């Protein structure tokens, strides 16, 4: 496992793991207290786990999901600001 601290474009701590490490329940449990510590210092913990699927396809799907969630949030905020009731 490799841990990398980044300040830009946002404050985050990246944990790079092999597929085997990602399946290690004890290792993952040992990281949870560290996640809380990093979050208390305004760092976003991010875990990258190697897999067998296409990295390009996985990143595309992750970015797509994040943009969809952001769009939903913005629409909901606009609806509230405009006095429209949503689900």
N, C-alpha and C. Protein backbone atom coordinates (compact mmCIF):
# COMPACT_ATOMS: atom_id res chain seq x y z
N UNK A 1 0.85 -1.17 0.00
CA UNK A 1 0.00 0.00 0.00
C UNK A 1 0.90 1.23 0.00
N UNK A 2 0.47 2.21 -0.75
CA UNK A 2 1.17 3.49 -0.81
C UNK A 2 0.19 4.57 -0.39
N UNK A 3 0.62 5.48 0.49
CA UNK A 3 -0.22 6.59 0.92
C UNK A 3 0.41 7.88 0.41
N UNK A 4 -0.42 8.69 -0.24
CA UNK A 4 0.04 9.94 -0.84
C UNK A 4 -0.86 11.07 -0.37
N UNK A 5 -0.26 12.16 0.13
CA UNK A 5 -1.01 13.32 0.60
C UNK A 5 -0.92 14.40 -0.48
N UNK A 6 -2.09 14.91 -0.88
CA UNK A 6 -2.14 15.95 -1.91
C UNK A 6 -2.83 17.18 -1.35
N UNK A 7 -2.33 18.33 -1.74
CA UNK A 7 -2.92 19.61 -1.34
C UNK A 7 -3.75 20.21 -2.48
N UNK A 8 -3.44 19.84 -3.71
CA UNK A 8 -4.13 20.39 -4.89
C UNK A 8 -4.50 19.28 -5.82
N UNK A 9 -5.60 19.30 -6.48
CA UNK A 9 -6.56 20.39 -6.57
C UNK A 9 -7.42 20.49 -5.32
N UNK A 10 -7.36 19.51 -4.45
CA UNK A 10 -8.06 19.58 -3.17
C UNK A 10 -7.23 18.82 -2.15
N UNK A 11 -7.52 19.04 -0.87
CA UNK A 11 -6.80 18.33 0.19
C UNK A 11 -7.33 16.91 0.26
N UNK A 12 -6.45 15.95 -0.05
CA UNK A 12 -6.87 14.55 0.02
C UNK A 12 -5.68 13.66 0.36
N UNK A 13 -6.02 12.52 0.92
CA UNK A 13 -5.04 11.49 1.22
C UNK A 13 -5.43 10.29 0.37
N UNK A 14 -4.54 9.90 -0.54
CA UNK A 14 -4.80 8.79 -1.45
C UNK A 14 -4.11 7.53 -0.93
N UNK A 15 -4.88 6.47 -0.83
CA UNK A 15 -4.33 5.17 -0.44
C UNK A 15 -4.40 4.27 -1.67
N UNK A 16 -3.25 3.88 -2.18
CA UNK A 16 -3.17 3.03 -3.37
C UNK A 16 -2.92 1.60 -2.90
N UNK A 17 -3.84 0.68 -3.25
CA UNK A 17 -3.74 -0.70 -2.77
C UNK A 17 -3.80 -1.68 -3.93
N UNK A 18 -3.18 -2.83 -3.70
CA UNK A 18 -3.34 -3.93 -4.64
C UNK A 18 -4.72 -4.53 -4.42
N UNK A 19 -5.17 -5.36 -5.35
CA UNK A 19 -6.47 -6.02 -5.20
C UNK A 19 -6.48 -6.88 -3.93
N UNK A 20 -5.35 -7.51 -3.65
CA UNK A 20 -5.24 -8.36 -2.45
C UNK A 20 -5.37 -7.53 -1.17
N UNK A 21 -4.69 -6.39 -1.13
CA UNK A 21 -4.79 -5.51 0.04
C UNK A 21 -6.21 -4.98 0.21
N UNK A 22 -6.87 -4.69 -0.91
CA UNK A 22 -8.23 -4.17 -0.86
C UNK A 22 -9.22 -5.16 -0.28
N UNK A 23 -8.90 -6.45 -0.34
CA UNK A 23 -9.78 -7.48 0.21
C UNK A 23 -9.43 -7.85 1.64
N UNK A 24 -8.35 -7.28 2.16
CA UNK A 24 -7.90 -7.56 3.53
C UNK A 24 -8.75 -6.76 4.51
N UNK A 25 -9.68 -7.43 5.18
CA UNK A 25 -10.61 -6.76 6.09
C UNK A 25 -9.90 -6.11 7.27
N UNK A 26 -8.86 -6.75 7.77
CA UNK A 26 -8.12 -6.17 8.90
C UNK A 26 -7.41 -4.88 8.48
N UNK A 27 -6.82 -4.88 7.30
CA UNK A 27 -6.15 -3.68 6.80
C UNK A 27 -7.16 -2.55 6.62
N UNK A 28 -8.30 -2.86 6.01
CA UNK A 28 -9.32 -1.84 5.79
C UNK A 28 -9.85 -1.31 7.13
N UNK A 29 -10.05 -2.19 8.10
CA UNK A 29 -10.53 -1.77 9.42
C UNK A 29 -9.49 -0.89 10.11
N UNK A 30 -8.21 -1.19 9.90
CA UNK A 30 -7.16 -0.39 10.53
C UNK A 30 -7.09 1.02 9.95
N UNK A 31 -7.61 1.21 8.74
CA UNK A 31 -7.59 2.53 8.11
C UNK A 31 -8.73 3.43 8.59
N UNK A 32 -9.82 2.85 9.08
CA UNK A 32 -10.99 3.66 9.47
C UNK A 32 -10.65 4.76 10.49
N UNK A 33 -9.90 4.46 11.55
CA UNK A 33 -9.55 5.55 12.48
C UNK A 33 -8.70 6.64 11.80
N UNK A 34 -7.87 6.23 10.87
CA UNK A 34 -7.04 7.21 10.14
C UNK A 34 -7.92 8.07 9.25
N UNK A 35 -8.98 7.47 8.66
CA UNK A 35 -9.91 8.25 7.84
C UNK A 35 -10.52 9.37 8.68
N UNK A 36 -10.96 9.03 9.89
CA UNK A 36 -11.55 10.03 10.78
C UNK A 36 -10.56 11.14 11.11
N UNK A 37 -9.32 10.74 11.36
CA UNK A 37 -8.27 11.72 11.67
C UNK A 37 -8.05 12.65 10.47
N UNK A 38 -7.94 12.08 9.28
CA UNK A 38 -7.72 12.90 8.08
C UNK A 38 -8.90 13.84 7.84
N UNK A 39 -10.11 13.31 8.01
CA UNK A 39 -11.30 14.15 7.80
C UNK A 39 -11.34 15.30 8.80
N UNK A 40 -10.91 15.05 10.03
CA UNK A 40 -10.90 16.12 11.03
C UNK A 40 -9.92 17.23 10.66
N UNK A 41 -8.96 16.90 9.81
CA UNK A 41 -7.99 17.89 9.33
C UNK A 41 -8.36 18.41 7.94
N UNK A 42 -9.61 18.16 7.54
CA UNK A 42 -10.16 18.62 6.26
C UNK A 42 -9.50 17.98 5.04
N UNK A 43 -9.02 16.75 5.19
CA UNK A 43 -8.52 15.99 4.06
C UNK A 43 -9.56 14.94 3.68
N UNK A 44 -9.75 14.74 2.39
CA UNK A 44 -10.68 13.71 1.91
C UNK A 44 -9.90 12.43 1.69
N UNK A 45 -10.20 11.36 2.44
CA UNK A 45 -9.52 10.10 2.18
C UNK A 45 -10.07 9.44 0.91
N UNK A 46 -9.17 8.96 0.06
CA UNK A 46 -9.56 8.31 -1.18
C UNK A 46 -8.78 7.00 -1.27
N UNK A 47 -9.49 5.90 -1.51
CA UNK A 47 -8.84 4.60 -1.61
C UNK A 47 -8.96 4.10 -3.04
N UNK A 48 -7.82 3.79 -3.63
CA UNK A 48 -7.77 3.21 -4.97
C UNK A 48 -7.35 1.76 -4.82
N UNK A 49 -8.16 0.85 -5.35
CA UNK A 49 -7.86 -0.57 -5.27
C UNK A 49 -7.75 -1.12 -6.68
N UNK A 50 -6.64 -1.79 -6.95
CA UNK A 50 -6.46 -2.40 -8.27
C UNK A 50 -7.54 -3.44 -8.49
N UNK A 51 -7.89 -3.62 -9.72
CA UNK A 51 -8.91 -4.61 -10.04
C UNK A 51 -8.58 -5.31 -11.35
N UNK A 52 -9.55 -6.03 -11.85
CA UNK A 52 -9.33 -6.78 -13.08
C UNK A 52 -10.02 -6.12 -14.27
N UNK A 53 -10.88 -5.13 -14.00
CA UNK A 53 -11.60 -4.44 -15.07
C UNK A 53 -10.76 -3.31 -15.64
N UNK A 54 -11.25 -2.72 -16.71
CA UNK A 54 -10.56 -1.61 -17.37
C UNK A 54 -10.55 -0.38 -16.46
N UNK A 55 -9.36 0.15 -16.19
CA UNK A 55 -9.24 1.35 -15.37
C UNK A 55 -9.94 2.52 -16.05
N UNK A 56 -9.77 2.63 -17.37
CA UNK A 56 -10.40 3.72 -18.11
C UNK A 56 -11.92 3.67 -17.99
N UNK A 57 -12.51 2.49 -18.14
CA UNK A 57 -13.96 2.36 -18.03
C UNK A 57 -14.43 2.65 -16.61
N UNK A 58 -13.67 2.18 -15.62
CA UNK A 58 -14.03 2.43 -14.23
C UNK A 58 -14.00 3.91 -13.89
N UNK A 59 -12.98 4.62 -14.34
CA UNK A 59 -12.89 6.05 -14.08
C UNK A 59 -14.01 6.80 -14.80
N UNK A 60 -14.33 6.37 -16.03
CA UNK A 60 -15.43 7.00 -16.77
C UNK A 60 -16.74 6.86 -16.00
N UNK A 61 -17.02 5.65 -15.52
CA UNK A 61 -18.28 5.41 -14.80
C UNK A 61 -18.31 6.20 -13.49
N UNK A 62 -17.18 6.30 -12.80
CA UNK A 62 -17.12 7.06 -11.56
C UNK A 62 -17.37 8.54 -11.83
N UNK A 63 -16.71 9.08 -12.85
CA UNK A 63 -16.91 10.49 -13.18
C UNK A 63 -18.35 10.75 -13.62
N UNK A 64 -18.90 9.83 -14.40
CA UNK A 64 -20.29 9.98 -14.87
C UNK A 64 -21.24 10.02 -13.68
N UNK A 65 -21.05 9.10 -12.74
CA UNK A 65 -21.92 9.05 -11.56
C UNK A 65 -21.79 10.34 -10.75
N UNK A 66 -20.56 10.82 -10.56
CA UNK A 66 -20.36 12.04 -9.79
C UNK A 66 -21.02 13.24 -10.46
N UNK A 67 -20.91 13.36 -11.79
CA UNK A 67 -21.56 14.47 -12.50
C UNK A 67 -23.08 14.37 -12.40
N UNK A 68 -23.62 13.15 -12.49
CA UNK A 68 -25.07 12.98 -12.37
C UNK A 68 -25.54 13.39 -10.98
N UNK A 69 -24.81 13.00 -9.95
CA UNK A 69 -25.19 13.36 -8.57
C UNK A 69 -25.09 14.87 -8.37
N UNK A 70 -24.06 15.49 -8.92
CA UNK A 70 -23.91 16.94 -8.82
C UNK A 70 -25.07 17.65 -9.53
N UNK A 71 -25.45 17.15 -10.72
CA UNK A 71 -26.55 17.76 -11.46
C UNK A 71 -27.85 17.65 -10.67
N UNK A 72 -28.11 16.48 -10.07
CA UNK A 72 -29.32 16.29 -9.26
C UNK A 72 -29.34 17.27 -8.09
N UNK A 73 -28.19 17.43 -7.45
CA UNK A 73 -28.10 18.34 -6.30
C UNK A 73 -28.37 19.78 -6.74
N UNK A 74 -27.79 20.18 -7.85
CA UNK A 74 -27.99 21.54 -8.34
C UNK A 74 -29.44 21.77 -8.73
N UNK A 75 -30.07 20.78 -9.38
CA UNK A 75 -31.48 20.92 -9.74
C UNK A 75 -32.36 21.04 -8.51
N UNK A 76 -32.06 20.26 -7.49
CA UNK A 76 -32.83 20.32 -6.25
C UNK A 76 -32.67 21.69 -5.58
N UNK A 77 -31.44 22.21 -5.58
CA UNK A 77 -31.20 23.53 -4.99
C UNK A 77 -31.93 24.62 -5.77
N UNK A 78 -31.93 24.52 -7.09
CA UNK A 78 -32.63 25.50 -7.92
C UNK A 78 -34.13 25.41 -7.70
N UNK A 79 -34.64 24.19 -7.53
CA UNK A 79 -36.06 24.00 -7.30
C UNK A 79 -36.48 24.62 -5.96
N UNK A 80 -35.66 24.44 -4.94
CA UNK A 80 -35.96 25.03 -3.63
C UNK A 80 -35.91 26.54 -3.73
N UNK A 81 -34.90 27.06 -4.41
CA UNK A 81 -34.77 28.52 -4.57
C UNK A 81 -35.94 29.10 -5.36
N UNK A 82 -36.45 28.32 -6.30
CA UNK A 82 -37.58 28.78 -7.11
C UNK A 82 -38.93 28.44 -6.51
N UNK A 83 -38.95 27.79 -5.37
CA UNK A 83 -40.20 27.45 -4.70
C UNK A 83 -40.90 26.22 -5.28
N UNK A 84 -40.17 25.39 -6.03
CA UNK A 84 -40.75 24.18 -6.62
C UNK A 84 -40.46 23.01 -5.70
N UNK A 85 -41.48 22.18 -5.47
CA UNK A 85 -41.33 20.99 -4.62
C UNK A 85 -40.80 19.84 -5.46
N UNK A 86 -39.71 19.13 -4.97
CA UNK A 86 -39.21 17.93 -5.63
C UNK A 86 -39.35 16.77 -4.69
N UNK A 87 -39.02 15.56 -5.17
CA UNK A 87 -39.21 14.36 -4.37
C UNK A 87 -38.63 14.47 -3.02
